[in-house]
Each structure stands twice: as structure tokens, then as C-alpha cells.
Amino acid sequence: MTTFEIIIIAIGLAMDASAVSLAAAAAGFAKDGRAIFRLSFHFGLFQFLMPVVGWFLGISFVSYFKVFDHWIAFFLLAFVGIRMIIEGMNKDSESQKKDPSKGMTMVMLSVATSIDALAVGLSLAVLDVSIWYPSIMIGVITTGMSIVAIKIGVKLGVMFGKRMEIFGGIVLLIIGGRILFSHLMV
């Protein structure tokens, strides 16, 4: 597998994490360096780890996991997305919002956006490709793309305000729906 092929795979895998980063930042949750670090680091870390886990699990587990992986991603993204929409429509103070860059919400988003990376790891095991270089590239590219998406999202949040939280929730629902639809149509 060439470096160019790995980069293309990494960009494709980073798209969901980047979209979630943009949505979270636009909703006002990435205002400081710590939140930017948390979002980009966790997405990059999970995108690095999931192919490694998939590679080590090997080919024997793929048939079991493929049956329900899309449902896991869909429900995790839908849960967070619906919560963001509800909070975006709520007229209460900003302090009651649940920050998606912290705690279990961050873990759920990281897992949901990196499940495809687990499948890539399984595929690389089948192809007998060493996992370390591709996984590092996937993690680094995801981190970088998430940072860029956060910077764009912050600017959108300033321009459009509270409506961006509703938009961010809708984006998460669309990503979850796309993951579910693409797996069900195979």
C-alpha cells in the first residue's frame, strides 16, 4: 500500500470527525485551546487506535462486527445530535448546555466517528499490511483536519449564533443516517 493510498484513506476516515468538530465548534463548544485540543486529540487518538484494534482482532471477528457496527455509530451520533438540537431550541442560559468536548459525550463521538477505521484495520489485516504506519497517518491527518474544521466552525458560530447548535445536531443526525444507510444498502 502506497503512502498516497494511505493518505486518501485517512482523509476519507477523517471526514466524519471533521464534520463533528465543525459542528461542535460552531455551536460554541470550542472557544478555548483546551476544548480544541480535547476534540482534535480524541478524534485523532481514536482514529489511530481503531485500525490497530481492528487489525489485531483479525478476520475472524469481522463478520460478527459488521452486522451491527453501523447501528452503534448511528445511535451514538443520533443521541448527541438530538440533544444538541433540543439544547439549541432551549431558550435557557448557555451554562446548562452539555459540552460535547468533555466526558462520555466526547468518548461516544470519538467511537462513533471511528468505527469505520476499525473496519479499515480489519481490511489491512486481510491484505497483510503492517498497521502502524497507516494508523499513525490516519490519526495525524484526522487531528489536523479536526483542528481546521474547529477553526472554521468557530467563525460560523460567531456569525450565526445559537442556530449553529441546531445545525450541528442536524449534521450529526445526517452523518449517523449516512453511516446507517451506506451499510444497509450494501
N, C-alpha and C. Protein backbone atom coordinates (compact mmCIF):
# COMPACT_ATOMS: atom_id res chain seq x y z
N MET A 1 0.85 -1.17 0.00
CA MET A 1 0.00 0.00 0.00
C MET A 1 0.90 1.24 0.00
N THR A 2 0.62 2.17 -0.92
CA THR A 2 1.46 3.36 -1.04
C THR A 2 1.06 4.43 -0.03
N THR A 3 1.95 5.37 0.18
CA THR A 3 1.67 6.50 1.08
C THR A 3 0.47 7.30 0.56
N PHE A 4 0.39 7.49 -0.74
CA PHE A 4 -0.73 8.22 -1.32
C PHE A 4 -2.06 7.53 -1.01
N GLU A 5 -2.10 6.21 -1.15
CA GLU A 5 -3.32 5.47 -0.83
C GLU A 5 -3.69 5.60 0.65
N ILE A 6 -2.70 5.56 1.50
CA ILE A 6 -2.95 5.71 2.93
C ILE A 6 -3.50 7.10 3.24
N ILE A 7 -2.94 8.12 2.60
CA ILE A 7 -3.42 9.50 2.81
C ILE A 7 -4.87 9.63 2.36
N ILE A 8 -5.21 9.06 1.23
CA ILE A 8 -6.59 9.12 0.73
C ILE A 8 -7.54 8.42 1.70
N ILE A 9 -7.15 7.26 2.19
CA ILE A 9 -7.96 6.54 3.18
C ILE A 9 -8.11 7.38 4.44
N ALA A 10 -7.01 7.98 4.89
CA ALA A 10 -7.03 8.80 6.11
C ALA A 10 -7.96 10.00 5.96
N ILE A 11 -7.91 10.65 4.82
CA ILE A 11 -8.80 11.80 4.58
C ILE A 11 -10.25 11.35 4.60
N GLY A 12 -10.53 10.24 3.96
CA GLY A 12 -11.90 9.72 3.96
C GLY A 12 -12.38 9.39 5.37
N LEU A 13 -11.52 8.77 6.16
CA LEU A 13 -11.89 8.42 7.53
C LEU A 13 -12.04 9.66 8.41
N ALA A 14 -11.29 10.70 8.13
CA ALA A 14 -11.30 11.91 8.95
C ALA A 14 -12.52 12.80 8.68
N MET A 15 -13.25 12.54 7.64
CA MET A 15 -14.37 13.42 7.27
C MET A 15 -15.44 13.50 8.35
N ASP A 16 -15.83 12.37 8.91
CA ASP A 16 -16.87 12.39 9.95
C ASP A 16 -16.40 13.16 11.18
N ALA A 17 -15.17 12.89 11.61
CA ALA A 17 -14.63 13.59 12.78
C ALA A 17 -14.52 15.08 12.51
N SER A 18 -14.15 15.44 11.29
CA SER A 18 -14.05 16.86 10.94
C SER A 18 -15.42 17.53 10.95
N ALA A 19 -16.41 16.85 10.44
CA ALA A 19 -17.77 17.41 10.44
C ALA A 19 -18.29 17.60 11.86
N VAL A 20 -18.02 16.64 12.72
CA VAL A 20 -18.44 16.75 14.12
C VAL A 20 -17.67 17.88 14.80
N SER A 21 -16.38 18.01 14.52
CA SER A 21 -15.58 19.10 15.08
C SER A 21 -16.13 20.45 14.66
N LEU A 22 -16.44 20.58 13.38
CA LEU A 22 -17.01 21.82 12.87
C LEU A 22 -18.33 22.14 13.56
N ALA A 23 -19.18 21.13 13.68
CA ALA A 23 -20.49 21.34 14.30
C ALA A 23 -20.36 21.72 15.77
N ALA A 24 -19.48 21.05 16.50
CA ALA A 24 -19.29 21.36 17.92
C ALA A 24 -18.73 22.77 18.10
N ALA A 25 -17.77 23.15 17.25
CA ALA A 25 -17.18 24.48 17.35
C ALA A 25 -18.20 25.55 16.97
N ALA A 26 -18.98 25.30 15.93
CA ALA A 26 -19.99 26.27 15.51
C ALA A 26 -21.06 26.45 16.57
N ALA A 27 -21.31 25.42 17.34
CA ALA A 27 -22.30 25.50 18.42
C ALA A 27 -21.73 26.20 19.66
N GLY A 28 -20.46 26.57 19.62
CA GLY A 28 -19.87 27.34 20.70
C GLY A 28 -19.13 26.53 21.74
N PHE A 29 -18.76 25.30 21.43
CA PHE A 29 -18.12 24.44 22.42
C PHE A 29 -16.60 24.37 22.28
N ALA A 30 -16.02 25.07 21.35
CA ALA A 30 -14.56 25.04 21.19
C ALA A 30 -14.02 26.46 21.23
N LYS A 31 -14.28 27.13 22.35
CA LYS A 31 -13.90 28.54 22.47
C LYS A 31 -12.47 28.73 22.94
N ASP A 32 -11.90 27.72 23.57
CA ASP A 32 -10.55 27.89 24.09
C ASP A 32 -9.65 26.76 23.61
N GLY A 33 -8.37 26.92 23.88
CA GLY A 33 -7.39 25.94 23.43
C GLY A 33 -7.59 24.56 24.01
N ARG A 34 -8.09 24.48 25.23
CA ARG A 34 -8.31 23.17 25.85
C ARG A 34 -9.39 22.37 25.11
N ALA A 35 -10.48 23.04 24.75
CA ALA A 35 -11.55 22.36 24.02
C ALA A 35 -11.09 21.95 22.63
N ILE A 36 -10.33 22.82 21.98
CA ILE A 36 -9.79 22.49 20.65
C ILE A 36 -8.88 21.27 20.76
N PHE A 37 -8.03 21.27 21.78
CA PHE A 37 -7.14 20.13 21.99
C PHE A 37 -7.93 18.86 22.26
N ARG A 38 -8.93 18.95 23.16
CA ARG A 38 -9.73 17.76 23.50
C ARG A 38 -10.39 17.17 22.26
N LEU A 39 -11.04 18.00 21.48
CA LEU A 39 -11.73 17.49 20.29
C LEU A 39 -10.75 16.87 19.31
N SER A 40 -9.75 17.63 18.91
CA SER A 40 -8.83 17.13 17.87
C SER A 40 -8.00 15.95 18.38
N PHE A 41 -7.55 16.00 19.62
CA PHE A 41 -6.75 14.90 20.17
C PHE A 41 -7.56 13.61 20.25
N HIS A 42 -8.77 13.69 20.79
CA HIS A 42 -9.57 12.47 20.94
C HIS A 42 -9.96 11.87 19.59
N PHE A 43 -10.36 12.72 18.65
CA PHE A 43 -10.69 12.19 17.34
C PHE A 43 -9.47 11.55 16.69
N GLY A 44 -8.32 12.21 16.76
CA GLY A 44 -7.09 11.64 16.20
C GLY A 44 -6.68 10.36 16.90
N LEU A 45 -6.77 10.36 18.24
CA LEU A 45 -6.40 9.17 19.00
C LEU A 45 -7.28 7.97 18.66
N PHE A 46 -8.59 8.18 18.63
CA PHE A 46 -9.49 7.07 18.33
C PHE A 46 -9.33 6.61 16.88
N GLN A 47 -9.08 7.55 15.96
CA GLN A 47 -8.85 7.15 14.57
C GLN A 47 -7.54 6.39 14.43
N PHE A 48 -6.57 6.65 15.30
CA PHE A 48 -5.34 5.88 15.32
C PHE A 48 -5.55 4.50 15.94
N LEU A 49 -6.28 4.46 17.06
CA LEU A 49 -6.43 3.21 17.82
C LEU A 49 -7.35 2.20 17.13
N MET A 50 -8.43 2.66 16.53
CA MET A 50 -9.42 1.73 15.98
C MET A 50 -8.86 0.83 14.87
N PRO A 51 -8.05 1.35 13.93
CA PRO A 51 -7.46 0.42 12.96
C PRO A 51 -6.54 -0.61 13.61
N VAL A 52 -5.83 -0.18 14.66
CA VAL A 52 -4.94 -1.11 15.37
C VAL A 52 -5.77 -2.22 16.02
N VAL A 53 -6.86 -1.83 16.68
CA VAL A 53 -7.75 -2.81 17.31
C VAL A 53 -8.32 -3.75 16.24
N GLY A 54 -8.80 -3.17 15.15
CA GLY A 54 -9.35 -3.99 14.06
C GLY A 54 -8.33 -4.94 13.49
N TRP A 55 -7.12 -4.46 13.33
CA TRP A 55 -6.05 -5.30 12.77
C TRP A 55 -5.75 -6.47 13.69
N PHE A 56 -5.69 -6.21 15.01
CA PHE A 56 -5.39 -7.28 15.96
C PHE A 56 -6.55 -8.26 16.11
N LEU A 57 -7.76 -7.77 15.97
CA LEU A 57 -8.90 -8.69 16.05
C LEU A 57 -8.90 -9.65 14.88
N GLY A 58 -8.41 -9.16 13.75
CA GLY A 58 -8.25 -10.01 12.59
C GLY A 58 -9.54 -10.36 11.88
N ILE A 59 -9.41 -11.21 10.95
CA ILE A 59 -10.50 -11.53 10.04
C ILE A 59 -11.62 -12.35 10.68
N SER A 60 -11.36 -13.08 11.71
CA SER A 60 -12.39 -13.95 12.29
C SER A 60 -13.53 -13.18 12.93
N PHE A 61 -13.27 -11.96 13.39
CA PHE A 61 -14.30 -11.19 14.10
C PHE A 61 -15.10 -10.29 13.17
N VAL A 62 -14.59 -10.00 11.98
CA VAL A 62 -15.21 -9.00 11.10
C VAL A 62 -16.67 -9.34 10.77
N SER A 63 -16.99 -10.58 10.54
CA SER A 63 -18.35 -10.93 10.16
C SER A 63 -19.34 -10.66 11.29
N TYR A 64 -18.91 -10.83 12.52
CA TYR A 64 -19.79 -10.55 13.66
C TYR A 64 -19.98 -9.06 13.86
N PHE A 65 -18.91 -8.30 13.74
CA PHE A 65 -18.96 -6.87 13.99
C PHE A 65 -19.71 -6.12 12.89
N LYS A 66 -19.52 -6.53 11.65
CA LYS A 66 -20.17 -5.85 10.53
C LYS A 66 -21.68 -5.89 10.61
N VAL A 67 -22.23 -6.83 11.34
CA VAL A 67 -23.68 -6.97 11.47
C VAL A 67 -24.29 -5.78 12.20
N PHE A 68 -23.55 -5.20 13.16
CA PHE A 68 -24.16 -4.14 13.97
C PHE A 68 -23.32 -2.88 14.14
N ASP A 69 -22.15 -2.77 13.53
CA ASP A 69 -21.31 -1.59 13.74
C ASP A 69 -21.99 -0.29 13.31
N HIS A 70 -22.73 -0.34 12.21
CA HIS A 70 -23.41 0.85 11.72
C HIS A 70 -24.52 1.30 12.67
N TRP A 71 -25.15 0.36 13.35
CA TRP A 71 -26.19 0.71 14.32
C TRP A 71 -25.59 1.43 15.53
N ILE A 72 -24.44 0.97 15.97
CA ILE A 72 -23.76 1.62 17.10
C ILE A 72 -23.44 3.07 16.74
N ALA A 73 -22.81 3.27 15.59
CA ALA A 73 -22.45 4.63 15.17
C ALA A 73 -23.70 5.50 15.03
N PHE A 74 -24.74 4.96 14.42
CA PHE A 74 -25.97 5.72 14.23
C PHE A 74 -26.57 6.16 15.57
N PHE A 75 -26.71 5.24 16.51
CA PHE A 75 -27.35 5.58 17.79
C PHE A 75 -26.50 6.56 18.61
N LEU A 76 -25.19 6.41 18.59
CA LEU A 76 -24.35 7.35 19.33
C LEU A 76 -24.45 8.76 18.74
N LEU A 77 -24.35 8.87 17.41
CA LEU A 77 -24.44 10.18 16.78
C LEU A 77 -25.85 10.76 16.91
N ALA A 78 -26.87 9.94 16.78
CA ALA A 78 -28.25 10.43 16.91
C ALA A 78 -28.51 10.94 18.33
N PHE A 79 -28.02 10.22 19.32
CA PHE A 79 -28.21 10.64 20.71
C PHE A 79 -27.62 12.03 20.94
N VAL A 80 -26.36 12.22 20.55
CA VAL A 80 -25.72 13.51 20.76
C VAL A 80 -26.37 14.58 19.87
N GLY A 81 -26.70 14.24 18.63
CA GLY A 81 -27.32 15.20 17.72
C GLY A 81 -28.67 15.69 18.21
N ILE A 82 -29.51 14.78 18.66
CA ILE A 82 -30.83 15.17 19.17
C ILE A 82 -30.68 16.04 20.41
N ARG A 83 -29.75 15.70 21.26
CA ARG A 83 -29.51 16.51 22.45
C ARG A 83 -29.06 17.92 22.07
N MET A 84 -28.20 18.05 21.06
CA MET A 84 -27.76 19.37 20.61
C MET A 84 -28.91 20.18 20.03
N ILE A 85 -29.79 19.53 19.27
CA ILE A 85 -30.94 20.24 18.69
C ILE A 85 -31.85 20.74 19.80
N ILE A 86 -32.13 19.89 20.76
CA ILE A 86 -33.01 20.28 21.88
C ILE A 86 -32.39 21.45 22.65
N GLU A 87 -31.11 21.37 22.93
CA GLU A 87 -30.44 22.45 23.65
C GLU A 87 -30.38 23.72 22.82
N GLY A 88 -30.25 23.59 21.50
CA GLY A 88 -30.24 24.76 20.63
C GLY A 88 -31.59 25.46 20.58
N MET A 89 -32.67 24.71 20.76
CA MET A 89 -34.01 25.30 20.76
C MET A 89 -34.41 25.81 22.14
N ASN A 90 -33.68 25.37 23.17
CA ASN A 90 -33.98 25.79 24.52
C ASN A 90 -33.57 27.25 24.71
N LYS A 91 -34.41 28.03 25.29
CA LYS A 91 -34.15 29.45 25.49
C LYS A 91 -33.36 29.73 26.77
N ASP A 92 -33.07 28.69 27.57
CA ASP A 92 -32.37 28.87 28.83
C ASP A 92 -30.94 29.34 28.61
N SER A 93 -30.26 29.57 29.70
CA SER A 93 -28.90 30.11 29.65
C SER A 93 -27.92 29.12 29.03
N GLU A 94 -26.84 29.67 28.56
CA GLU A 94 -25.79 28.88 27.92
C GLU A 94 -25.12 27.92 28.90
N SER A 95 -25.15 28.21 30.19
CA SER A 95 -24.43 27.40 31.16
C SER A 95 -25.03 26.01 31.34
N GLN A 96 -26.25 25.80 30.88
CA GLN A 96 -26.88 24.50 31.04
C GLN A 96 -26.54 23.54 29.90
N LYS A 97 -25.86 24.01 28.89
CA LYS A 97 -25.51 23.16 27.76
C LYS A 97 -24.47 22.12 28.16
N LYS A 98 -24.60 20.95 27.58
CA LYS A 98 -23.64 19.86 27.83
C LYS A 98 -22.57 19.95 26.75
N ASP A 99 -21.35 20.15 27.16
CA ASP A 99 -20.22 20.32 26.24
C ASP A 99 -19.84 18.97 25.62
N PRO A 100 -19.97 18.84 24.27
CA PRO A 100 -19.63 17.56 23.64
C PRO A 100 -18.13 17.30 23.58
N SER A 101 -17.32 18.25 24.02
CA SER A 101 -15.87 18.02 24.01
C SER A 101 -15.38 17.50 25.36
N LYS A 102 -16.32 17.09 26.23
CA LYS A 102 -15.94 16.60 27.55
C LYS A 102 -16.64 15.28 27.87
N GLY A 103 -16.02 14.51 28.74
CA GLY A 103 -16.64 13.33 29.33
C GLY A 103 -17.07 12.25 28.36
N MET A 104 -18.15 11.59 28.74
CA MET A 104 -18.65 10.45 27.95
C MET A 104 -19.16 10.88 26.58
N THR A 105 -19.64 12.11 26.46
CA THR A 105 -20.08 12.58 25.15
C THR A 105 -18.91 12.58 24.18
N MET A 106 -17.75 13.04 24.63
CA MET A 106 -16.55 13.04 23.78
C MET A 106 -16.16 11.62 23.39
N VAL A 107 -16.24 10.70 24.34
CA VAL A 107 -15.91 9.31 24.05
C VAL A 107 -16.90 8.72 23.04
N MET A 108 -18.21 9.00 23.25
CA MET A 108 -19.22 8.47 22.31
C MET A 108 -18.98 9.01 20.90
N LEU A 109 -18.71 10.31 20.78
CA LEU A 109 -18.45 10.88 19.46
C LEU A 109 -17.19 10.29 18.85
N SER A 110 -16.17 10.10 19.65
CA SER A 110 -14.91 9.53 19.15
C SER A 110 -15.11 8.10 18.63
N VAL A 111 -15.86 7.31 19.38
CA VAL A 111 -16.13 5.93 18.95
C VAL A 111 -17.00 5.94 17.69
N ALA A 112 -18.06 6.74 17.71
CA ALA A 112 -18.99 6.76 16.58
C ALA A 112 -18.32 7.17 15.29
N THR A 113 -17.39 8.14 15.35
CA THR A 113 -16.75 8.61 14.13
C THR A 113 -15.57 7.75 13.71
N SER A 114 -15.18 6.77 14.55
CA SER A 114 -14.01 5.96 14.20
C SER A 114 -14.33 4.49 13.97
N ILE A 115 -15.59 4.13 13.96
CA ILE A 115 -15.94 2.72 13.73
C ILE A 115 -15.50 2.27 12.34
N ASP A 116 -15.59 3.15 11.36
CA ASP A 116 -15.12 2.78 10.02
C ASP A 116 -13.62 2.48 10.03
N ALA A 117 -12.88 3.16 10.90
CA ALA A 117 -11.44 2.92 10.99
C ALA A 117 -11.15 1.51 11.51
N LEU A 118 -12.04 0.99 12.36
CA LEU A 118 -11.90 -0.39 12.82
C LEU A 118 -12.00 -1.34 11.63
N ALA A 119 -12.95 -1.08 10.75
CA ALA A 119 -13.12 -1.92 9.56
C ALA A 119 -11.90 -1.82 8.64
N VAL A 120 -11.32 -0.62 8.56
CA VAL A 120 -10.10 -0.46 7.75
C VAL A 120 -8.98 -1.31 8.34
N GLY A 121 -8.86 -1.32 9.66
CA GLY A 121 -7.85 -2.16 10.30
C GLY A 121 -8.05 -3.63 9.98
N LEU A 122 -9.29 -4.07 10.00
CA LEU A 122 -9.58 -5.45 9.63
C LEU A 122 -9.18 -5.72 8.18
N SER A 123 -9.48 -4.76 7.31
CA SER A 123 -9.12 -4.91 5.89
C SER A 123 -7.61 -4.99 5.71
N LEU A 124 -6.89 -4.16 6.45
CA LEU A 124 -5.43 -4.18 6.34
C LEU A 124 -4.86 -5.50 6.84
N ALA A 125 -5.50 -6.10 7.82
CA ALA A 125 -5.06 -7.43 8.29
C ALA A 125 -5.25 -8.46 7.19
N VAL A 126 -6.38 -8.38 6.49
CA VAL A 126 -6.65 -9.30 5.39
C VAL A 126 -5.62 -9.12 4.28
N LEU A 127 -5.23 -7.86 4.02
CA LEU A 127 -4.26 -7.57 2.97
C LEU A 127 -2.82 -7.81 3.42
N ASP A 128 -2.64 -8.19 4.68
CA ASP A 128 -1.32 -8.45 5.25
C ASP A 128 -0.43 -7.21 5.18
N VAL A 129 -1.03 -6.05 5.51
CA VAL A 129 -0.31 -4.78 5.54
C VAL A 129 0.01 -4.47 6.99
N SER A 130 1.22 -4.01 7.26
CA SER A 130 1.58 -3.59 8.60
C SER A 130 0.67 -2.44 9.03
N ILE A 131 0.23 -2.42 10.27
CA ILE A 131 -0.80 -1.48 10.71
C ILE A 131 -0.24 -0.16 11.22
N TRP A 132 1.01 -0.11 11.65
CA TRP A 132 1.50 1.06 12.40
C TRP A 132 1.57 2.32 11.55
N TYR A 133 2.18 2.27 10.39
CA TYR A 133 2.31 3.47 9.56
C TYR A 133 0.93 3.99 9.12
N PRO A 134 0.05 3.15 8.60
CA PRO A 134 -1.28 3.66 8.23
C PRO A 134 -2.04 4.25 9.43
N SER A 135 -1.96 3.61 10.58
CA SER A 135 -2.68 4.11 11.76
C SER A 135 -2.16 5.46 12.21
N ILE A 136 -0.85 5.62 12.20
CA ILE A 136 -0.27 6.91 12.57
C ILE A 136 -0.72 7.98 11.60
N MET A 137 -0.67 7.69 10.31
CA MET A 137 -1.11 8.66 9.29
C MET A 137 -2.58 9.01 9.48
N ILE A 138 -3.41 8.02 9.72
CA ILE A 138 -4.85 8.26 9.92
C ILE A 138 -5.07 9.16 11.14
N GLY A 139 -4.39 8.89 12.23
CA GLY A 139 -4.53 9.69 13.44
C GLY A 139 -4.06 11.13 13.26
N VAL A 140 -2.91 11.30 12.63
CA VAL A 140 -2.34 12.64 12.42
C VAL A 140 -3.23 13.45 11.47
N ILE A 141 -3.65 12.85 10.39
CA ILE A 141 -4.50 13.56 9.43
C ILE A 141 -5.85 13.92 10.04
N THR A 142 -6.41 13.02 10.82
CA THR A 142 -7.68 13.31 11.50
C THR A 142 -7.52 14.48 12.47
N THR A 143 -6.45 14.47 13.24
CA THR A 143 -6.19 15.56 14.18
C THR A 143 -6.08 16.89 13.43
N GLY A 144 -5.30 16.92 12.38
CA GLY A 144 -5.13 18.15 11.60
C GLY A 144 -6.42 18.64 10.98
N MET A 145 -7.17 17.73 10.38
CA MET A 145 -8.44 18.13 9.76
C MET A 145 -9.45 18.60 10.80
N SER A 146 -9.41 18.00 11.98
CA SER A 146 -10.32 18.42 13.05
C SER A 146 -9.98 19.84 13.51
N ILE A 147 -8.70 20.14 13.62
CA ILE A 147 -8.29 21.50 14.03
C ILE A 147 -8.77 22.53 13.01
N VAL A 148 -8.57 22.24 11.73
CA VAL A 148 -9.04 23.16 10.68
C VAL A 148 -10.56 23.32 10.74
N ALA A 149 -11.26 22.22 10.91
CA ALA A 149 -12.73 22.27 10.98
C ALA A 149 -13.20 23.07 12.20
N ILE A 150 -12.50 22.94 13.31
CA ILE A 150 -12.84 23.71 14.51
C ILE A 150 -12.67 25.20 14.24
N LYS A 151 -11.58 25.58 13.62
CA LYS A 151 -11.34 27.00 13.31
C LYS A 151 -12.45 27.56 12.42
N ILE A 152 -12.86 26.79 11.43
CA ILE A 152 -13.97 27.23 10.56
C ILE A 152 -15.27 27.28 11.36
N GLY A 153 -15.51 26.27 12.18
CA GLY A 153 -16.73 26.20 12.98
C GLY A 153 -16.87 27.36 13.95
N VAL A 154 -15.78 27.77 14.56
CA VAL A 154 -15.82 28.91 15.49
C VAL A 154 -16.28 30.16 14.76
N LYS A 155 -15.77 30.38 13.56
CA LYS A 155 -16.17 31.56 12.78
C LYS A 155 -17.66 31.49 12.40
N LEU A 156 -18.13 30.29 12.05
CA LEU A 156 -19.56 30.14 11.72
C LEU A 156 -20.42 30.39 12.96
N GLY A 157 -19.96 29.92 14.11
CA GLY A 157 -20.70 30.12 15.35
C GLY A 157 -20.84 31.58 15.70
N VAL A 158 -19.77 32.34 15.49
CA VAL A 158 -19.82 33.79 15.76
C VAL A 158 -20.81 34.46 14.82
N MET A 159 -20.83 34.04 13.56
CA MET A 159 -21.73 34.67 12.58
C MET A 159 -23.19 34.30 12.80
N PHE A 160 -23.46 33.05 13.16
CA PHE A 160 -24.85 32.58 13.19
C PHE A 160 -25.39 32.27 14.58
N GLY A 161 -24.55 32.29 15.59
CA GLY A 161 -25.01 32.16 16.97
C GLY A 161 -25.64 30.81 17.29
N LYS A 162 -26.71 30.86 18.10
CA LYS A 162 -27.36 29.67 18.65
C LYS A 162 -27.91 28.74 17.57
N ARG A 163 -28.25 29.29 16.41
CA ARG A 163 -28.76 28.43 15.32
C ARG A 163 -27.74 27.39 14.90
N MET A 164 -26.45 27.65 15.11
CA MET A 164 -25.42 26.70 14.73
C MET A 164 -25.46 25.44 15.59
N GLU A 165 -25.95 25.54 16.81
CA GLU A 165 -26.08 24.34 17.65
C GLU A 165 -27.14 23.42 17.05
N ILE A 166 -28.23 24.00 16.60
CA ILE A 166 -29.28 23.20 15.94
C ILE A 166 -28.71 22.60 14.65
N PHE A 167 -28.00 23.41 13.89
CA PHE A 167 -27.37 22.93 12.66
C PHE A 167 -26.39 21.80 12.97
N GLY A 168 -25.58 21.96 14.03
CA GLY A 168 -24.62 20.93 14.42
C GLY A 168 -25.31 19.62 14.76
N GLY A 169 -26.43 19.70 15.47
CA GLY A 169 -27.19 18.49 15.79
C GLY A 169 -27.72 17.82 14.54
N ILE A 170 -28.19 18.64 13.60
CA ILE A 170 -28.69 18.09 12.33
C ILE A 170 -27.55 17.41 11.57
N VAL A 171 -26.36 18.03 11.58
CA VAL A 171 -25.20 17.43 10.91
C VAL A 171 -24.89 16.06 11.51
N LEU A 172 -24.93 15.96 12.83
CA LEU A 172 -24.66 14.66 13.47
C LEU A 172 -25.70 13.62 13.07
N LEU A 173 -26.96 14.03 13.01
CA LEU A 173 -28.02 13.10 12.57
C LEU A 173 -27.80 12.66 11.13
N ILE A 174 -27.39 13.59 10.28
CA ILE A 174 -27.13 13.25 8.87
C ILE A 174 -25.96 12.28 8.76
N ILE A 175 -24.88 12.54 9.51
CA ILE A 175 -23.73 11.63 9.48
C ILE A 175 -24.14 10.24 9.95
N GLY A 176 -24.89 10.19 11.06
CA GLY A 176 -25.37 8.90 11.56
C GLY A 176 -26.25 8.19 10.55
N GLY A 177 -27.16 8.95 9.92
CA GLY A 177 -28.03 8.38 8.90
C GLY A 177 -27.26 7.89 7.69
N ARG A 178 -26.22 8.64 7.29
CA ARG A 178 -25.41 8.24 6.14
C ARG A 178 -24.67 6.94 6.45
N ILE A 179 -24.13 6.84 7.65
CA ILE A 179 -23.43 5.61 8.04
C ILE A 179 -24.39 4.42 8.02
N LEU A 180 -25.55 4.61 8.61
CA LEU A 180 -26.55 3.54 8.66
C LEU A 180 -27.02 3.17 7.25
N PHE A 181 -27.35 4.16 6.46
CA PHE A 181 -27.85 3.92 5.10
C PHE A 181 -26.80 3.22 4.23
N SER A 182 -25.53 3.69 4.32
CA SER A 182 -24.49 3.10 3.47
C SER A 182 -24.23 1.63 3.82
N HIS A 183 -24.39 1.27 5.08
CA HIS A 183 -24.18 -0.13 5.47
C HIS A 183 -25.41 -1.01 5.16
N LEU A 184 -26.58 -0.43 5.26
CA LEU A 184 -27.78 -1.21 4.97
C LEU A 184 -27.97 -1.44 3.48
N MET A 185 -27.42 -0.56 2.65
CA MET A 185 -27.60 -0.68 1.21
C MET A 185 -26.55 -1.57 0.55
N VAL A 186 -25.60 -2.08 1.33
CA VAL A 186 -24.54 -2.94 0.77
C VAL A 186 -25.06 -4.32 0.55
